[in-house]
Amino acid sequence: MRIAISGSHSVGKSTLIAAFLSGHPNCRHEPEAFEILGDDIDLTDSGIPTSEGLRALLTYTASSIESHRSQDHVIFERSPVDYLGYAAAAGRAWTPGEVEEFITSCVPVVRASVQHLDLIAYLPIPSNPLIRRSGENQKIRRRVDGWLRRILLDDEYDLFERDQPPLIVELPATPEDQLSRLDELASSRRLRTHRQS
């Protein structure tokens, strides 16, 4: 069971993972790459990492996912898809051409990496927004969420038309329902059946 929790910043990924782990003590947690590499990642004025920084985060995440075996029980805070979402949302924060170059060069990396996941659980921005962090760019947050929806649910970049794509699930709006749904998926045979089909 290899699960990735995907979503824009401040949507409750860490809170959901902590709650999930309390009921699944045999499951390992892989924190998001920024927690490990953050001191070395340059940010633009809008708060999005530079293209070099985002590439480093994606590379770290893909390597972490690919280091786990299919029988491992692990939950990842962010999926490789998240970094495509942030790149697509960068807009004028990056120089002209950087977004297209990043996506063109990184789509194959993401496509290969997601084959090592069983489930990507997408957390949308809640209808009742969480308390804003100081200096947080809400416009970027919404743009990232919109792009993640397009990439994950509409398969904007054809990431999941391969041999064994992960199951993609949009989680409900409330934290309690999110945890219940994630528990249900993790404890059912649906993931195994999906991977074998």
N, C-alpha and C. Protein backbone atom coordinates (compact mmCIF):
# COMPACT_ATOMS: atom_id res chain seq x y z
N MET A 1 0.85 -1.19 0.00
CA MET A 1 0.00 0.00 0.00
C MET A 1 0.88 1.24 0.00
N ARG A 2 0.98 1.87 -1.14
CA ARG A 2 1.78 3.10 -1.27
C ARG A 2 0.83 4.22 -1.67
N ILE A 3 0.58 5.11 -0.72
CA ILE A 3 -0.41 6.16 -0.88
C ILE A 3 0.29 7.51 -0.89
N ALA A 4 -0.12 8.38 -1.81
CA ALA A 4 0.36 9.76 -1.81
C ALA A 4 -0.82 10.70 -1.60
N ILE A 5 -0.65 11.66 -0.71
CA ILE A 5 -1.67 12.68 -0.48
C ILE A 5 -1.26 13.92 -1.27
N SER A 6 -2.11 14.30 -2.19
CA SER A 6 -1.81 15.40 -3.11
C SER A 6 -2.72 16.58 -2.82
N GLY A 7 -2.17 17.79 -2.96
CA GLY A 7 -2.99 18.97 -2.78
C GLY A 7 -2.15 20.23 -2.68
N SER A 8 -2.80 21.35 -2.87
CA SER A 8 -2.15 22.64 -2.73
C SER A 8 -1.73 22.84 -1.28
N HIS A 9 -1.04 23.95 -0.99
CA HIS A 9 -0.61 24.19 0.38
C HIS A 9 -1.80 24.58 1.26
N SER A 10 -1.70 24.22 2.53
CA SER A 10 -2.69 24.55 3.56
C SER A 10 -4.08 23.99 3.27
N VAL A 11 -4.14 22.75 2.78
CA VAL A 11 -5.44 22.10 2.61
C VAL A 11 -5.67 21.00 3.64
N GLY A 12 -4.68 20.73 4.49
CA GLY A 12 -4.85 19.73 5.54
C GLY A 12 -4.15 18.42 5.31
N LYS A 13 -3.15 18.39 4.43
CA LYS A 13 -2.45 17.13 4.14
C LYS A 13 -1.77 16.57 5.39
N SER A 14 -1.02 17.40 6.10
CA SER A 14 -0.30 16.94 7.29
C SER A 14 -1.26 16.46 8.37
N THR A 15 -2.35 17.19 8.55
CA THR A 15 -3.35 16.81 9.57
C THR A 15 -3.98 15.47 9.23
N LEU A 16 -4.33 15.28 7.97
CA LEU A 16 -4.93 14.01 7.55
C LEU A 16 -3.95 12.86 7.73
N ILE A 17 -2.71 13.07 7.34
CA ILE A 17 -1.70 12.01 7.45
C ILE A 17 -1.48 11.63 8.91
N ALA A 18 -1.39 12.63 9.79
CA ALA A 18 -1.20 12.35 11.22
C ALA A 18 -2.36 11.52 11.77
N ALA A 19 -3.57 11.87 11.38
CA ALA A 19 -4.74 11.12 11.84
C ALA A 19 -4.73 9.70 11.28
N PHE A 20 -4.37 9.56 10.03
CA PHE A 20 -4.31 8.24 9.40
C PHE A 20 -3.26 7.36 10.08
N LEU A 21 -2.09 7.93 10.35
CA LEU A 21 -1.01 7.14 10.95
C LEU A 21 -1.36 6.66 12.36
N SER A 22 -2.18 7.43 13.07
CA SER A 22 -2.56 7.00 14.42
C SER A 22 -3.38 5.72 14.39
N GLY A 23 -4.07 5.47 13.29
CA GLY A 23 -4.83 4.23 13.15
C GLY A 23 -4.12 3.16 12.34
N HIS A 24 -2.95 3.51 11.81
CA HIS A 24 -2.17 2.58 10.98
C HIS A 24 -0.71 2.64 11.41
N PRO A 25 -0.40 2.16 12.61
CA PRO A 25 0.96 2.29 13.14
C PRO A 25 2.02 1.54 12.34
N ASN A 26 1.60 0.60 11.49
CA ASN A 26 2.56 -0.15 10.66
C ASN A 26 2.90 0.59 9.37
N CYS A 27 2.30 1.75 9.16
CA CYS A 27 2.51 2.52 7.94
C CYS A 27 3.60 3.57 8.16
N ARG A 28 4.52 3.64 7.24
CA ARG A 28 5.61 4.61 7.33
C ARG A 28 5.18 5.92 6.69
N HIS A 29 5.68 7.03 7.23
CA HIS A 29 5.38 8.36 6.68
C HIS A 29 6.61 8.92 6.00
N GLU A 30 6.46 9.35 4.74
CA GLU A 30 7.51 10.06 4.03
C GLU A 30 7.08 11.51 3.92
N PRO A 31 7.74 12.43 4.66
CA PRO A 31 7.33 13.84 4.63
C PRO A 31 7.59 14.46 3.25
N GLU A 32 6.94 15.58 3.01
CA GLU A 32 7.14 16.22 1.72
C GLU A 32 8.57 16.71 1.58
N ALA A 33 9.03 16.76 0.35
CA ALA A 33 10.43 17.06 0.07
C ALA A 33 10.87 18.41 0.63
N PHE A 34 9.96 19.37 0.67
CA PHE A 34 10.34 20.71 1.14
C PHE A 34 10.77 20.68 2.60
N GLU A 35 10.21 19.76 3.40
CA GLU A 35 10.62 19.65 4.80
C GLU A 35 12.07 19.19 4.91
N ILE A 36 12.54 18.45 3.94
CA ILE A 36 13.91 17.93 3.94
C ILE A 36 14.88 18.91 3.27
N LEU A 37 14.44 19.49 2.15
CA LEU A 37 15.34 20.29 1.32
C LEU A 37 15.09 21.79 1.41
N GLY A 38 14.11 22.20 2.21
CA GLY A 38 13.65 23.59 2.20
C GLY A 38 14.73 24.64 2.35
N ASP A 39 15.73 24.40 3.17
CA ASP A 39 16.79 25.39 3.38
C ASP A 39 17.59 25.66 2.11
N ASP A 40 17.56 24.73 1.18
CA ASP A 40 18.34 24.87 -0.05
C ASP A 40 17.49 25.23 -1.26
N ILE A 41 16.19 25.50 -1.04
CA ILE A 41 15.28 25.78 -2.15
C ILE A 41 14.98 27.29 -2.20
N ASP A 42 15.33 27.91 -3.32
CA ASP A 42 15.03 29.32 -3.52
C ASP A 42 13.57 29.49 -3.93
N LEU A 43 12.94 30.56 -3.42
CA LEU A 43 11.56 30.86 -3.73
C LEU A 43 11.46 32.14 -4.55
N THR A 44 10.44 32.21 -5.38
CA THR A 44 10.15 33.44 -6.10
C THR A 44 9.41 34.39 -5.17
N ASP A 45 9.16 35.62 -5.62
CA ASP A 45 8.44 36.59 -4.80
C ASP A 45 7.03 36.13 -4.48
N SER A 46 6.44 35.30 -5.33
CA SER A 46 5.08 34.81 -5.09
C SER A 46 5.04 33.61 -4.15
N GLY A 47 6.22 33.11 -3.75
CA GLY A 47 6.27 31.99 -2.82
C GLY A 47 6.43 30.64 -3.47
N ILE A 48 6.37 30.57 -4.79
CA ILE A 48 6.59 29.30 -5.51
C ILE A 48 8.10 29.10 -5.65
N PRO A 49 8.57 27.88 -5.50
CA PRO A 49 10.00 27.63 -5.74
C PRO A 49 10.40 28.01 -7.17
N THR A 50 11.66 28.35 -7.33
CA THR A 50 12.19 28.55 -8.68
C THR A 50 12.11 27.23 -9.44
N SER A 51 12.30 27.29 -10.75
CA SER A 51 12.22 26.05 -11.54
C SER A 51 13.29 25.05 -11.09
N GLU A 52 14.49 25.55 -10.75
CA GLU A 52 15.55 24.65 -10.27
C GLU A 52 15.15 24.02 -8.93
N GLY A 53 14.56 24.83 -8.06
CA GLY A 53 14.14 24.32 -6.76
C GLY A 53 13.03 23.30 -6.88
N LEU A 54 12.06 23.59 -7.76
CA LEU A 54 10.94 22.66 -7.94
C LEU A 54 11.42 21.35 -8.54
N ARG A 55 12.39 21.43 -9.44
CA ARG A 55 12.95 20.21 -10.03
C ARG A 55 13.64 19.36 -8.97
N ALA A 56 14.34 20.01 -8.04
CA ALA A 56 15.01 19.29 -6.96
C ALA A 56 13.99 18.59 -6.06
N LEU A 57 12.88 19.27 -5.78
CA LEU A 57 11.82 18.67 -4.96
C LEU A 57 11.19 17.47 -5.66
N LEU A 58 10.93 17.62 -6.96
CA LEU A 58 10.36 16.52 -7.73
C LEU A 58 11.30 15.33 -7.78
N THR A 59 12.57 15.60 -8.02
CA THR A 59 13.56 14.51 -8.10
C THR A 59 13.64 13.76 -6.79
N TYR A 60 13.64 14.48 -5.68
CA TYR A 60 13.70 13.85 -4.36
C TYR A 60 12.45 12.99 -4.13
N THR A 61 11.29 13.53 -4.45
CA THR A 61 10.04 12.80 -4.23
C THR A 61 9.97 11.53 -5.09
N ALA A 62 10.32 11.66 -6.35
CA ALA A 62 10.31 10.49 -7.24
C ALA A 62 11.27 9.42 -6.75
N SER A 63 12.45 9.82 -6.30
CA SER A 63 13.43 8.86 -5.79
C SER A 63 12.92 8.17 -4.53
N SER A 64 12.27 8.94 -3.65
CA SER A 64 11.72 8.37 -2.42
C SER A 64 10.64 7.33 -2.74
N ILE A 65 9.75 7.66 -3.66
CA ILE A 65 8.68 6.74 -4.03
C ILE A 65 9.25 5.47 -4.64
N GLU A 66 10.20 5.62 -5.53
CA GLU A 66 10.75 4.47 -6.24
C GLU A 66 11.62 3.59 -5.36
N SER A 67 12.01 4.10 -4.18
CA SER A 67 12.84 3.30 -3.27
C SER A 67 12.03 2.29 -2.48
N HIS A 68 10.69 2.42 -2.52
CA HIS A 68 9.83 1.52 -1.75
C HIS A 68 9.32 0.38 -2.62
N ARG A 69 9.20 -0.79 -2.00
CA ARG A 69 8.72 -1.97 -2.71
C ARG A 69 7.19 -1.99 -2.72
N SER A 70 6.63 -2.79 -3.61
CA SER A 70 5.17 -2.83 -3.76
C SER A 70 4.47 -3.31 -2.49
N GLN A 71 5.15 -4.11 -1.67
CA GLN A 71 4.50 -4.62 -0.45
C GLN A 71 4.67 -3.69 0.76
N ASP A 72 5.40 -2.59 0.60
CA ASP A 72 5.60 -1.65 1.70
C ASP A 72 4.31 -0.91 2.02
N HIS A 73 4.17 -0.52 3.28
CA HIS A 73 3.05 0.31 3.70
C HIS A 73 3.61 1.69 4.00
N VAL A 74 3.32 2.64 3.12
CA VAL A 74 3.91 3.97 3.25
C VAL A 74 2.95 5.01 2.72
N ILE A 75 2.92 6.16 3.39
CA ILE A 75 2.10 7.28 2.94
C ILE A 75 3.01 8.47 2.69
N PHE A 76 2.90 9.04 1.51
CA PHE A 76 3.75 10.15 1.08
C PHE A 76 2.98 11.46 1.18
N GLU A 77 3.64 12.45 1.74
CA GLU A 77 3.04 13.78 1.80
C GLU A 77 3.45 14.51 0.52
N ARG A 78 2.58 14.53 -0.41
CA ARG A 78 2.71 15.03 -1.79
C ARG A 78 3.05 13.89 -2.75
N SER A 79 2.52 14.04 -3.95
CA SER A 79 2.83 13.12 -5.04
C SER A 79 3.71 13.85 -6.04
N PRO A 80 4.35 13.14 -6.94
CA PRO A 80 5.13 13.81 -7.99
C PRO A 80 4.29 14.75 -8.84
N VAL A 81 3.01 14.45 -8.95
CA VAL A 81 2.11 15.29 -9.74
C VAL A 81 2.03 16.71 -9.18
N ASP A 82 2.16 16.85 -7.87
CA ASP A 82 2.05 18.17 -7.24
C ASP A 82 3.01 19.18 -7.86
N TYR A 83 4.19 18.72 -8.21
CA TYR A 83 5.21 19.64 -8.71
C TYR A 83 4.89 20.11 -10.13
N LEU A 84 4.21 19.28 -10.91
CA LEU A 84 3.70 19.75 -12.19
C LEU A 84 2.63 20.82 -11.96
N GLY A 85 1.79 20.63 -10.94
CA GLY A 85 0.77 21.61 -10.63
C GLY A 85 1.35 22.96 -10.24
N TYR A 86 2.39 22.92 -9.42
CA TYR A 86 3.04 24.17 -9.02
C TYR A 86 3.74 24.84 -10.21
N ALA A 87 4.34 24.04 -11.08
CA ALA A 87 4.99 24.61 -12.27
C ALA A 87 3.95 25.26 -13.18
N ALA A 88 2.85 24.57 -13.42
CA ALA A 88 1.81 25.10 -14.30
C ALA A 88 1.20 26.38 -13.73
N ALA A 89 1.17 26.48 -12.40
CA ALA A 89 0.60 27.65 -11.73
C ALA A 89 1.60 28.80 -11.57
N ALA A 90 2.85 28.58 -11.94
CA ALA A 90 3.89 29.59 -11.69
C ALA A 90 3.66 30.87 -12.47
N GLY A 91 3.18 30.73 -13.70
CA GLY A 91 2.88 31.91 -14.50
C GLY A 91 4.08 32.84 -14.64
N ARG A 92 3.86 34.13 -14.34
CA ARG A 92 4.91 35.13 -14.52
C ARG A 92 5.95 35.12 -13.41
N ALA A 93 5.77 34.24 -12.42
CA ALA A 93 6.79 34.12 -11.37
C ALA A 93 8.08 33.54 -11.93
N TRP A 94 7.97 32.80 -13.03
CA TRP A 94 9.14 32.24 -13.72
C TRP A 94 9.36 33.03 -15.00
N THR A 95 10.57 32.92 -15.54
CA THR A 95 10.88 33.61 -16.79
C THR A 95 10.15 32.93 -17.95
N PRO A 96 9.93 33.66 -19.05
CA PRO A 96 9.22 33.07 -20.20
C PRO A 96 9.89 31.77 -20.66
N GLY A 97 9.07 30.77 -20.89
CA GLY A 97 9.57 29.49 -21.37
C GLY A 97 9.89 28.49 -20.29
N GLU A 98 10.08 28.95 -19.04
CA GLU A 98 10.47 28.01 -17.97
C GLU A 98 9.36 27.02 -17.65
N VAL A 99 8.11 27.48 -17.66
CA VAL A 99 7.00 26.57 -17.33
C VAL A 99 6.92 25.45 -18.37
N GLU A 100 6.92 25.83 -19.63
CA GLU A 100 6.82 24.82 -20.70
C GLU A 100 8.00 23.85 -20.66
N GLU A 101 9.21 24.39 -20.45
CA GLU A 101 10.40 23.54 -20.41
C GLU A 101 10.34 22.57 -19.23
N PHE A 102 9.89 23.06 -18.07
CA PHE A 102 9.80 22.21 -16.89
C PHE A 102 8.81 21.07 -17.13
N ILE A 103 7.63 21.42 -17.62
CA ILE A 103 6.59 20.40 -17.81
C ILE A 103 7.01 19.40 -18.88
N THR A 104 7.56 19.88 -19.97
CA THR A 104 7.99 18.98 -21.04
C THR A 104 9.04 17.98 -20.56
N SER A 105 10.00 18.49 -19.79
CA SER A 105 11.09 17.61 -19.35
C SER A 105 10.71 16.74 -18.16
N CYS A 106 9.73 17.19 -17.35
CA CYS A 106 9.41 16.45 -16.12
C CYS A 106 8.22 15.51 -16.23
N VAL A 107 7.37 15.68 -17.25
CA VAL A 107 6.24 14.76 -17.41
C VAL A 107 6.70 13.30 -17.48
N PRO A 108 7.74 12.97 -18.25
CA PRO A 108 8.17 11.56 -18.27
C PRO A 108 8.64 11.05 -16.90
N VAL A 109 9.26 11.91 -16.12
CA VAL A 109 9.71 11.53 -14.77
C VAL A 109 8.50 11.22 -13.89
N VAL A 110 7.50 12.11 -13.95
CA VAL A 110 6.29 11.91 -13.14
C VAL A 110 5.53 10.68 -13.60
N ARG A 111 5.42 10.51 -14.90
CA ARG A 111 4.69 9.36 -15.46
C ARG A 111 5.31 8.04 -14.98
N ALA A 112 6.64 7.98 -14.95
CA ALA A 112 7.31 6.76 -14.49
C ALA A 112 7.15 6.58 -12.98
N SER A 113 7.22 7.67 -12.24
CA SER A 113 7.18 7.59 -10.79
C SER A 113 5.81 7.16 -10.26
N VAL A 114 4.73 7.68 -10.86
CA VAL A 114 3.39 7.35 -10.34
C VAL A 114 3.06 5.87 -10.53
N GLN A 115 3.78 5.18 -11.40
CA GLN A 115 3.57 3.74 -11.55
C GLN A 115 3.90 2.97 -10.27
N HIS A 116 4.66 3.61 -9.38
CA HIS A 116 5.06 2.98 -8.12
C HIS A 116 4.11 3.31 -6.97
N LEU A 117 3.00 3.99 -7.28
CA LEU A 117 2.00 4.30 -6.27
C LEU A 117 0.75 3.47 -6.51
N ASP A 118 0.06 3.13 -5.42
CA ASP A 118 -1.20 2.42 -5.53
C ASP A 118 -2.38 3.38 -5.53
N LEU A 119 -2.22 4.51 -4.84
CA LEU A 119 -3.32 5.46 -4.67
C LEU A 119 -2.76 6.87 -4.58
N ILE A 120 -3.38 7.79 -5.30
CA ILE A 120 -3.16 9.22 -5.08
C ILE A 120 -4.48 9.80 -4.61
N ALA A 121 -4.48 10.30 -3.38
CA ALA A 121 -5.67 10.90 -2.79
C ALA A 121 -5.54 12.41 -2.88
N TYR A 122 -6.42 13.01 -3.66
CA TYR A 122 -6.39 14.46 -3.91
C TYR A 122 -7.24 15.18 -2.89
N LEU A 123 -6.62 16.15 -2.19
CA LEU A 123 -7.31 16.98 -1.21
C LEU A 123 -7.58 18.35 -1.84
N PRO A 124 -8.81 18.66 -2.18
CA PRO A 124 -9.11 19.97 -2.75
C PRO A 124 -9.12 21.06 -1.67
N ILE A 125 -9.09 22.30 -2.10
CA ILE A 125 -9.23 23.41 -1.15
C ILE A 125 -10.61 23.30 -0.49
N PRO A 126 -10.66 23.36 0.84
CA PRO A 126 -11.96 23.22 1.52
C PRO A 126 -12.87 24.41 1.26
N SER A 127 -14.18 24.18 1.34
CA SER A 127 -15.14 25.26 1.11
C SER A 127 -15.05 26.31 2.21
N ASN A 128 -14.70 25.87 3.44
CA ASN A 128 -14.43 26.80 4.53
C ASN A 128 -12.92 26.86 4.71
N PRO A 129 -12.25 27.86 4.11
CA PRO A 129 -10.78 27.86 4.11
C PRO A 129 -10.20 27.85 5.51
N LEU A 130 -9.03 27.21 5.62
CA LEU A 130 -8.32 27.20 6.88
C LEU A 130 -7.74 28.58 7.15
N ILE A 131 -7.34 28.81 8.39
CA ILE A 131 -6.73 30.08 8.74
C ILE A 131 -5.51 30.31 7.86
N ARG A 132 -5.40 31.50 7.32
CA ARG A 132 -4.29 31.81 6.43
C ARG A 132 -2.99 31.95 7.20
N ARG A 133 -1.93 31.46 6.59
CA ARG A 133 -0.62 31.69 7.16
C ARG A 133 -0.14 33.07 6.76
N SER A 134 0.67 33.68 7.59
CA SER A 134 1.20 35.00 7.29
C SER A 134 1.99 34.96 6.00
N GLY A 135 1.69 35.89 5.08
CA GLY A 135 2.41 35.99 3.82
C GLY A 135 2.00 34.97 2.78
N GLU A 136 0.98 34.17 3.05
CA GLU A 136 0.57 33.14 2.09
C GLU A 136 -0.19 33.76 0.93
N ASN A 137 0.14 33.33 -0.27
CA ASN A 137 -0.48 33.85 -1.49
C ASN A 137 -1.69 32.98 -1.84
N GLN A 138 -2.88 33.50 -1.53
CA GLN A 138 -4.11 32.72 -1.74
C GLN A 138 -4.40 32.51 -3.23
N LYS A 139 -4.01 33.48 -4.06
CA LYS A 139 -4.24 33.33 -5.49
C LYS A 139 -3.45 32.16 -6.05
N ILE A 140 -2.19 32.05 -5.65
CA ILE A 140 -1.36 30.93 -6.09
C ILE A 140 -1.93 29.62 -5.57
N ARG A 141 -2.38 29.63 -4.32
CA ARG A 141 -2.96 28.42 -3.72
C ARG A 141 -4.13 27.91 -4.56
N ARG A 142 -5.00 28.82 -4.98
CA ARG A 142 -6.16 28.43 -5.79
C ARG A 142 -5.74 27.98 -7.18
N ARG A 143 -4.73 28.63 -7.76
CA ARG A 143 -4.25 28.23 -9.08
C ARG A 143 -3.65 26.83 -9.04
N VAL A 144 -2.87 26.54 -8.01
CA VAL A 144 -2.29 25.21 -7.87
C VAL A 144 -3.40 24.17 -7.74
N ASP A 145 -4.41 24.47 -6.93
CA ASP A 145 -5.52 23.54 -6.76
C ASP A 145 -6.23 23.27 -8.09
N GLY A 146 -6.45 24.34 -8.86
CA GLY A 146 -7.10 24.17 -10.16
C GLY A 146 -6.29 23.31 -11.10
N TRP A 147 -4.98 23.51 -11.10
CA TRP A 147 -4.12 22.70 -11.98
C TRP A 147 -4.04 21.25 -11.51
N LEU A 148 -4.00 21.04 -10.20
CA LEU A 148 -3.97 19.66 -9.71
C LEU A 148 -5.23 18.91 -10.10
N ARG A 149 -6.36 19.60 -10.04
CA ARG A 149 -7.61 18.98 -10.47
C ARG A 149 -7.53 18.58 -11.94
N ARG A 150 -7.01 19.47 -12.78
CA ARG A 150 -6.90 19.18 -14.21
C ARG A 150 -5.92 18.03 -14.48
N ILE A 151 -4.81 18.03 -13.76
CA ILE A 151 -3.78 17.02 -14.02
C ILE A 151 -4.19 15.66 -13.48
N LEU A 152 -4.75 15.65 -12.26
CA LEU A 152 -5.11 14.37 -11.63
C LEU A 152 -6.43 13.81 -12.15
N LEU A 153 -7.46 14.63 -12.17
CA LEU A 153 -8.79 14.11 -12.48
C LEU A 153 -9.07 14.10 -13.99
N ASP A 154 -8.51 15.07 -14.71
CA ASP A 154 -8.73 15.12 -16.16
C ASP A 154 -7.54 14.55 -16.94
N ASP A 155 -6.47 14.20 -16.24
CA ASP A 155 -5.25 13.65 -16.85
C ASP A 155 -4.74 14.55 -17.98
N GLU A 156 -4.58 15.82 -17.64
CA GLU A 156 -4.15 16.85 -18.59
C GLU A 156 -2.88 16.47 -19.36
N TYR A 157 -1.95 15.78 -18.70
CA TYR A 157 -0.67 15.46 -19.33
C TYR A 157 -0.50 13.96 -19.64
N ASP A 158 -1.61 13.24 -19.69
CA ASP A 158 -1.56 11.80 -20.04
C ASP A 158 -0.58 11.03 -19.16
N LEU A 159 -0.69 11.24 -17.87
CA LEU A 159 0.21 10.57 -16.93
C LEU A 159 -0.24 9.15 -16.61
N PHE A 160 -1.53 8.87 -16.75
CA PHE A 160 -2.10 7.65 -16.19
C PHE A 160 -2.59 6.66 -17.24
N GLU A 161 -2.23 6.87 -18.49
CA GLU A 161 -2.66 5.95 -19.56
C GLU A 161 -1.57 4.92 -19.80
N ARG A 162 -1.15 4.25 -18.74
CA ARG A 162 -0.05 3.30 -18.86
C ARG A 162 -0.49 1.96 -18.25
N ASP A 163 0.46 1.04 -18.08
CA ASP A 163 0.15 -0.33 -17.66
C ASP A 163 -0.60 -0.40 -16.34
N GLN A 164 -0.03 0.20 -15.30
CA GLN A 164 -0.64 0.09 -13.97
C GLN A 164 -0.70 1.46 -13.30
N PRO A 165 -1.63 2.30 -13.72
CA PRO A 165 -1.74 3.62 -13.09
C PRO A 165 -2.28 3.49 -11.67
N PRO A 166 -1.95 4.43 -10.80
CA PRO A 166 -2.54 4.41 -9.47
C PRO A 166 -4.02 4.75 -9.53
N LEU A 167 -4.73 4.36 -8.51
CA LEU A 167 -6.11 4.79 -8.35
C LEU A 167 -6.09 6.26 -7.94
N ILE A 168 -6.90 7.09 -8.58
CA ILE A 168 -6.98 8.52 -8.26
C ILE A 168 -8.33 8.76 -7.59
N VAL A 169 -8.31 9.32 -6.38
CA VAL A 169 -9.54 9.55 -5.64
C VAL A 169 -9.53 10.98 -5.09
N GLU A 170 -10.62 11.70 -5.33
CA GLU A 170 -10.81 13.01 -4.69
C GLU A 170 -11.47 12.78 -3.34
N LEU A 171 -10.84 13.24 -2.28
CA LEU A 171 -11.38 13.04 -0.94
C LEU A 171 -12.48 14.06 -0.63
N PRO A 172 -13.36 13.73 0.32
CA PRO A 172 -14.46 14.63 0.66
C PRO A 172 -13.98 15.94 1.28
N ALA A 173 -14.93 16.83 1.55
CA ALA A 173 -14.60 18.18 2.01
C ALA A 173 -14.18 18.25 3.47
N THR A 174 -14.81 17.44 4.33
CA THR A 174 -14.55 17.58 5.77
C THR A 174 -13.45 16.63 6.23
N PRO A 175 -12.63 17.05 7.21
CA PRO A 175 -11.54 16.20 7.69
C PRO A 175 -12.00 14.83 8.17
N GLU A 176 -13.15 14.78 8.85
CA GLU A 176 -13.64 13.49 9.35
C GLU A 176 -13.97 12.55 8.20
N ASP A 177 -14.63 13.09 7.18
CA ASP A 177 -14.98 12.27 6.02
C ASP A 177 -13.74 11.88 5.22
N GLN A 178 -12.75 12.78 5.18
CA GLN A 178 -11.50 12.46 4.48
C GLN A 178 -10.82 11.25 5.11
N LEU A 179 -10.70 11.27 6.43
CA LEU A 179 -10.05 10.17 7.13
C LEU A 179 -10.83 8.87 6.96
N SER A 180 -12.16 8.96 7.07
CA SER A 180 -12.99 7.78 6.91
C SER A 180 -12.81 7.17 5.53
N ARG A 181 -12.79 8.02 4.51
CA ARG A 181 -12.63 7.53 3.14
C ARG A 181 -11.25 6.93 2.91
N LEU A 182 -10.22 7.58 3.46
CA LEU A 182 -8.87 7.06 3.29
C LEU A 182 -8.71 5.73 4.02
N ASP A 183 -9.27 5.63 5.22
CA ASP A 183 -9.25 4.36 5.96
C ASP A 183 -9.95 3.26 5.17
N GLU A 184 -11.09 3.61 4.59
CA GLU A 184 -11.86 2.63 3.82
C GLU A 184 -11.05 2.12 2.63
N LEU A 185 -10.40 3.03 1.94
CA LEU A 185 -9.59 2.62 0.78
C LEU A 185 -8.40 1.77 1.19
N ALA A 186 -7.74 2.18 2.28
CA ALA A 186 -6.54 1.47 2.72
C ALA A 186 -6.85 0.07 3.23
N SER A 187 -8.03 -0.12 3.80
CA SER A 187 -8.37 -1.42 4.39
C SER A 187 -9.13 -2.33 3.44
N SER A 188 -9.48 -1.84 2.27
CA SER A 188 -10.25 -2.65 1.33
C SER A 188 -9.32 -3.33 0.34
N ARG A 189 -9.91 -4.20 -0.47
CA ARG A 189 -9.15 -4.88 -1.52
C ARG A 189 -9.17 -4.08 -2.81
N ARG A 190 -9.78 -2.92 -2.78
CA ARG A 190 -9.98 -2.16 -4.01
C ARG A 190 -8.65 -1.79 -4.67
N LEU A 191 -7.66 -1.42 -3.85
CA LEU A 191 -6.36 -1.03 -4.42
C LEU A 191 -5.72 -2.21 -5.14
N ARG A 192 -5.73 -3.37 -4.49
CA ARG A 192 -5.12 -4.54 -5.12
C ARG A 192 -5.86 -4.93 -6.39
N THR A 193 -7.20 -4.90 -6.34
CA THR A 193 -7.99 -5.24 -7.50
C THR A 193 -7.72 -4.28 -8.63
N HIS A 194 -7.61 -2.98 -8.28
CA HIS A 194 -7.34 -1.96 -9.29
C HIS A 194 -5.99 -2.19 -9.94
N ARG A 195 -4.98 -2.54 -9.16
CA ARG A 195 -3.63 -2.72 -9.70
C ARG A 195 -3.54 -3.97 -10.57
N GLN A 196 -4.41 -4.94 -10.31
CA GLN A 196 -4.35 -6.19 -11.08
C GLN A 196 -5.18 -6.13 -12.36
N SER A 197 -6.02 -5.10 -12.47
CA SER A 197 -6.91 -5.03 -13.64
C SER A 197 -6.21 -4.45 -14.85
